[in-house]
Amino acid sequence: MKQCIKIIVTGQVQSSAYKEAIQKQAQKLHIEGTLQNHEEVDLLIFACGQSDGLDELIDEIYKGTSDIKIRDVIIEPFINEKNYRGVFRIIG
């Protein structure tokens, strides 16, 4: 069953390599949604897909890359009102 989650990643997470790693994993797992900067140092992610794929994406988010410092990851369910057209995009 497809579900959607909102993820806020706080800390020093503005690395392009980190964003691209999340995007690549989302595409591999057939997850659609967006990733964008949020309040200068945080990331805001909207992701929709199968629950096992979302779990794997969350694992990738926690794993990070060597050039970031994650302070917290907040995950909330949300009702998708957008058509992501099957794509996971980095905005901005």
N, C-alpha and C. Protein backbone atom coordinates (compact mmCIF):
# COMPACT_ATOMS: atom_id res chain seq x y z
N MET A 1 0.83 -1.18 0.00
CA MET A 1 0.00 0.00 0.00
C MET A 1 0.88 1.25 0.00
N LYS A 2 0.55 2.19 -0.84
CA LYS A 2 1.31 3.42 -0.97
C LYS A 2 0.97 4.35 0.20
N GLN A 3 2.03 4.93 0.78
CA GLN A 3 1.82 5.92 1.83
C GLN A 3 2.78 7.07 1.61
N CYS A 4 2.50 8.18 2.29
CA CYS A 4 3.32 9.38 2.14
C CYS A 4 3.79 9.85 3.51
N ILE A 5 5.04 10.33 3.54
CA ILE A 5 5.59 10.86 4.77
C ILE A 5 6.29 12.19 4.51
N LYS A 6 6.33 12.99 5.55
CA LYS A 6 7.07 14.25 5.54
C LYS A 6 8.25 14.04 6.48
N ILE A 7 9.44 14.39 6.03
CA ILE A 7 10.66 14.19 6.81
C ILE A 7 11.39 15.53 6.91
N ILE A 8 11.71 15.93 8.13
CA ILE A 8 12.54 17.12 8.33
C ILE A 8 13.85 16.64 8.92
N VAL A 9 14.95 16.94 8.23
CA VAL A 9 16.28 16.56 8.68
C VAL A 9 16.96 17.84 9.15
N THR A 10 17.34 17.88 10.44
CA THR A 10 17.98 19.07 10.98
C THR A 10 19.45 18.81 11.23
N GLY A 11 20.22 19.88 11.17
CA GLY A 11 21.66 19.79 11.37
C GLY A 11 22.39 20.46 10.22
N GLN A 12 23.63 20.07 10.01
CA GLN A 12 24.41 20.58 8.87
C GLN A 12 24.25 19.56 7.74
N VAL A 13 23.16 19.72 6.98
CA VAL A 13 22.79 18.72 5.98
C VAL A 13 22.59 19.32 4.59
N GLN A 14 23.23 20.43 4.31
CA GLN A 14 23.05 21.11 3.04
C GLN A 14 23.98 20.61 1.93
N SER A 15 24.70 19.54 2.15
CA SER A 15 25.65 19.01 1.18
C SER A 15 24.93 18.53 -0.09
N SER A 16 25.46 18.92 -1.24
CA SER A 16 24.91 18.45 -2.52
C SER A 16 25.03 16.94 -2.64
N ALA A 17 26.14 16.39 -2.18
CA ALA A 17 26.35 14.93 -2.26
C ALA A 17 25.30 14.19 -1.44
N TYR A 18 24.95 14.73 -0.28
CA TYR A 18 23.94 14.11 0.58
C TYR A 18 22.57 14.15 -0.09
N LYS A 19 22.20 15.29 -0.65
CA LYS A 19 20.91 15.42 -1.34
C LYS A 19 20.84 14.46 -2.53
N GLU A 20 21.92 14.38 -3.28
CA GLU A 20 21.95 13.49 -4.44
C GLU A 20 21.87 12.02 -4.02
N ALA A 21 22.50 11.66 -2.89
CA ALA A 21 22.44 10.28 -2.40
C ALA A 21 21.00 9.92 -2.01
N ILE A 22 20.30 10.86 -1.39
CA ILE A 22 18.89 10.62 -1.03
C ILE A 22 18.05 10.48 -2.29
N GLN A 23 18.27 11.37 -3.26
CA GLN A 23 17.52 11.29 -4.51
C GLN A 23 17.76 9.96 -5.23
N LYS A 24 19.00 9.56 -5.32
CA LYS A 24 19.35 8.31 -6.01
C LYS A 24 18.68 7.11 -5.33
N GLN A 25 18.71 7.08 -4.00
CA GLN A 25 18.08 5.98 -3.26
C GLN A 25 16.56 6.00 -3.47
N ALA A 26 15.96 7.18 -3.44
CA ALA A 26 14.51 7.29 -3.66
C ALA A 26 14.14 6.77 -5.05
N GLN A 27 14.91 7.14 -6.06
CA GLN A 27 14.63 6.67 -7.42
C GLN A 27 14.79 5.16 -7.51
N LYS A 28 15.80 4.61 -6.87
CA LYS A 28 16.04 3.17 -6.87
C LYS A 28 14.87 2.43 -6.24
N LEU A 29 14.27 3.03 -5.22
CA LEU A 29 13.17 2.41 -4.48
C LEU A 29 11.78 2.77 -5.04
N HIS A 30 11.75 3.48 -6.17
CA HIS A 30 10.50 3.90 -6.82
C HIS A 30 9.65 4.77 -5.90
N ILE A 31 10.32 5.69 -5.21
CA ILE A 31 9.65 6.64 -4.34
C ILE A 31 9.57 7.97 -5.07
N GLU A 32 8.41 8.59 -5.01
CA GLU A 32 8.25 9.89 -5.64
C GLU A 32 8.12 10.96 -4.57
N GLY A 33 8.47 12.19 -4.94
CA GLY A 33 8.36 13.29 -3.99
C GLY A 33 9.37 14.38 -4.27
N THR A 34 9.69 15.13 -3.21
CA THR A 34 10.60 16.26 -3.35
C THR A 34 11.53 16.35 -2.14
N LEU A 35 12.65 17.01 -2.36
CA LEU A 35 13.61 17.34 -1.31
C LEU A 35 13.98 18.80 -1.53
N GLN A 36 13.91 19.60 -0.48
CA GLN A 36 14.27 21.01 -0.63
C GLN A 36 14.86 21.55 0.66
N ASN A 37 15.61 22.65 0.53
CA ASN A 37 16.16 23.33 1.69
C ASN A 37 15.01 23.85 2.54
N HIS A 38 15.24 23.85 3.86
CA HIS A 38 14.21 24.29 4.79
C HIS A 38 14.90 25.08 5.90
N GLU A 39 14.58 26.35 6.04
CA GLU A 39 15.13 27.21 7.08
C GLU A 39 16.66 27.22 7.10
N GLU A 40 17.27 27.42 5.98
CA GLU A 40 18.70 27.64 5.78
C GLU A 40 19.63 26.45 6.06
N VAL A 41 19.37 25.64 7.07
CA VAL A 41 20.30 24.54 7.37
C VAL A 41 19.63 23.17 7.37
N ASP A 42 18.33 23.12 7.25
CA ASP A 42 17.61 21.86 7.33
C ASP A 42 17.10 21.44 5.96
N LEU A 43 16.65 20.18 5.88
CA LEU A 43 16.04 19.66 4.65
C LEU A 43 14.61 19.26 4.93
N LEU A 44 13.75 19.50 3.96
CA LEU A 44 12.36 19.09 4.01
C LEU A 44 12.13 18.11 2.88
N ILE A 45 11.65 16.92 3.23
CA ILE A 45 11.46 15.86 2.24
C ILE A 45 10.01 15.40 2.29
N PHE A 46 9.39 15.32 1.13
CA PHE A 46 8.08 14.69 1.00
C PHE A 46 8.31 13.44 0.15
N ALA A 47 7.91 12.29 0.67
CA ALA A 47 8.17 11.03 -0.03
C ALA A 47 6.93 10.15 0.00
N CYS A 48 6.59 9.57 -1.17
CA CYS A 48 5.45 8.67 -1.29
C CYS A 48 5.90 7.38 -1.96
N GLY A 49 5.48 6.26 -1.38
CA GLY A 49 5.85 4.97 -1.95
C GLY A 49 5.39 3.84 -1.05
N GLN A 50 5.88 2.65 -1.36
CA GLN A 50 5.57 1.49 -0.54
C GLN A 50 6.27 1.61 0.81
N SER A 51 5.64 1.12 1.87
CA SER A 51 6.18 1.32 3.22
C SER A 51 7.58 0.73 3.40
N ASP A 52 7.86 -0.43 2.78
CA ASP A 52 9.21 -1.00 2.93
C ASP A 52 10.25 -0.13 2.23
N GLY A 53 9.90 0.47 1.10
CA GLY A 53 10.80 1.39 0.40
C GLY A 53 11.03 2.65 1.20
N LEU A 54 9.99 3.16 1.85
CA LEU A 54 10.14 4.35 2.68
C LEU A 54 11.05 4.06 3.86
N ASP A 55 10.93 2.86 4.44
CA ASP A 55 11.82 2.47 5.53
C ASP A 55 13.28 2.47 5.08
N GLU A 56 13.53 1.95 3.88
CA GLU A 56 14.90 1.93 3.35
C GLU A 56 15.41 3.35 3.09
N LEU A 57 14.52 4.22 2.61
CA LEU A 57 14.91 5.61 2.38
C LEU A 57 15.27 6.29 3.70
N ILE A 58 14.50 6.05 4.73
CA ILE A 58 14.79 6.61 6.05
C ILE A 58 16.15 6.13 6.55
N ASP A 59 16.45 4.85 6.33
CA ASP A 59 17.78 4.33 6.70
C ASP A 59 18.88 5.10 5.98
N GLU A 60 18.69 5.38 4.70
CA GLU A 60 19.67 6.13 3.91
C GLU A 60 19.83 7.55 4.46
N ILE A 61 18.73 8.15 4.85
CA ILE A 61 18.77 9.51 5.40
C ILE A 61 19.60 9.52 6.68
N TYR A 62 19.38 8.55 7.56
CA TYR A 62 20.14 8.47 8.81
C TYR A 62 21.62 8.16 8.56
N LYS A 63 21.89 7.37 7.52
CA LYS A 63 23.27 6.98 7.22
C LYS A 63 24.11 8.20 6.86
N GLY A 64 23.55 9.06 6.04
CA GLY A 64 24.23 10.30 5.67
C GLY A 64 25.49 10.10 4.86
N THR A 65 26.29 11.15 4.81
CA THR A 65 27.59 11.14 4.14
C THR A 65 28.60 11.75 5.11
N SER A 66 29.87 11.65 4.77
CA SER A 66 30.93 12.10 5.69
C SER A 66 30.93 13.61 5.93
N ASP A 67 30.32 14.39 5.04
CA ASP A 67 30.39 15.84 5.16
C ASP A 67 29.15 16.48 5.79
N ILE A 68 28.30 15.69 6.45
CA ILE A 68 27.11 16.24 7.10
C ILE A 68 27.09 15.85 8.57
N LYS A 69 26.28 16.59 9.32
CA LYS A 69 26.07 16.28 10.73
C LYS A 69 24.57 16.35 11.01
N ILE A 70 23.94 15.21 11.16
CA ILE A 70 22.51 15.15 11.43
C ILE A 70 22.28 15.38 12.92
N ARG A 71 21.41 16.31 13.23
CA ARG A 71 21.02 16.56 14.61
C ARG A 71 19.75 15.78 14.95
N ASP A 72 18.77 15.79 14.02
CA ASP A 72 17.50 15.11 14.29
C ASP A 72 16.81 14.81 12.97
N VAL A 73 15.98 13.77 13.00
CA VAL A 73 15.14 13.43 11.85
C VAL A 73 13.72 13.29 12.39
N ILE A 74 12.82 14.11 11.87
CA ILE A 74 11.42 14.10 12.29
C ILE A 74 10.60 13.54 11.14
N ILE A 75 9.80 12.51 11.42
CA ILE A 75 9.02 11.84 10.39
C ILE A 75 7.55 11.92 10.77
N GLU A 76 6.72 12.39 9.84
CA GLU A 76 5.28 12.50 10.07
C GLU A 76 4.54 12.00 8.84
N PRO A 77 3.39 11.36 9.02
CA PRO A 77 2.57 11.01 7.86
C PRO A 77 1.95 12.29 7.28
N PHE A 78 1.66 12.27 6.01
CA PHE A 78 0.93 13.40 5.42
C PHE A 78 0.06 12.90 4.28
N ILE A 79 -0.96 13.68 3.97
CA ILE A 79 -1.86 13.35 2.85
C ILE A 79 -1.33 14.07 1.62
N ASN A 80 -1.01 13.28 0.61
CA ASN A 80 -0.44 13.83 -0.61
C ASN A 80 -1.53 14.52 -1.43
N GLU A 81 -1.32 15.80 -1.72
CA GLU A 81 -2.25 16.55 -2.55
C GLU A 81 -1.61 16.97 -3.87
N LYS A 82 -0.38 16.48 -4.12
CA LYS A 82 0.34 16.82 -5.35
C LYS A 82 0.51 15.58 -6.20
N ASN A 83 0.68 15.80 -7.49
CA ASN A 83 1.01 14.71 -8.40
C ASN A 83 2.50 14.83 -8.71
N TYR A 84 3.29 13.95 -8.12
CA TYR A 84 4.74 13.99 -8.33
C TYR A 84 5.14 13.32 -9.64
N ARG A 85 4.18 12.74 -10.33
CA ARG A 85 4.39 12.10 -11.63
C ARG A 85 5.46 11.02 -11.60
N GLY A 86 5.55 10.32 -10.44
CA GLY A 86 6.47 9.20 -10.33
C GLY A 86 7.94 9.57 -10.22
N VAL A 87 8.24 10.85 -9.93
CA VAL A 87 9.61 11.33 -9.91
C VAL A 87 9.96 11.85 -8.52
N PHE A 88 11.23 11.72 -8.12
CA PHE A 88 11.74 12.32 -6.90
C PHE A 88 12.69 13.43 -7.30
N ARG A 89 12.36 14.67 -6.94
CA ARG A 89 13.12 15.84 -7.39
C ARG A 89 13.79 16.58 -6.24
N ILE A 90 14.94 17.16 -6.53
CA ILE A 90 15.57 18.12 -5.63
C ILE A 90 15.13 19.49 -6.10
N ILE A 91 14.53 20.27 -5.20
CA ILE A 91 14.06 21.61 -5.54
C ILE A 91 15.02 22.64 -4.96
N GLY A 92 15.44 23.57 -5.80
CA GLY A 92 16.30 24.64 -5.33
C GLY A 92 17.75 24.30 -5.26
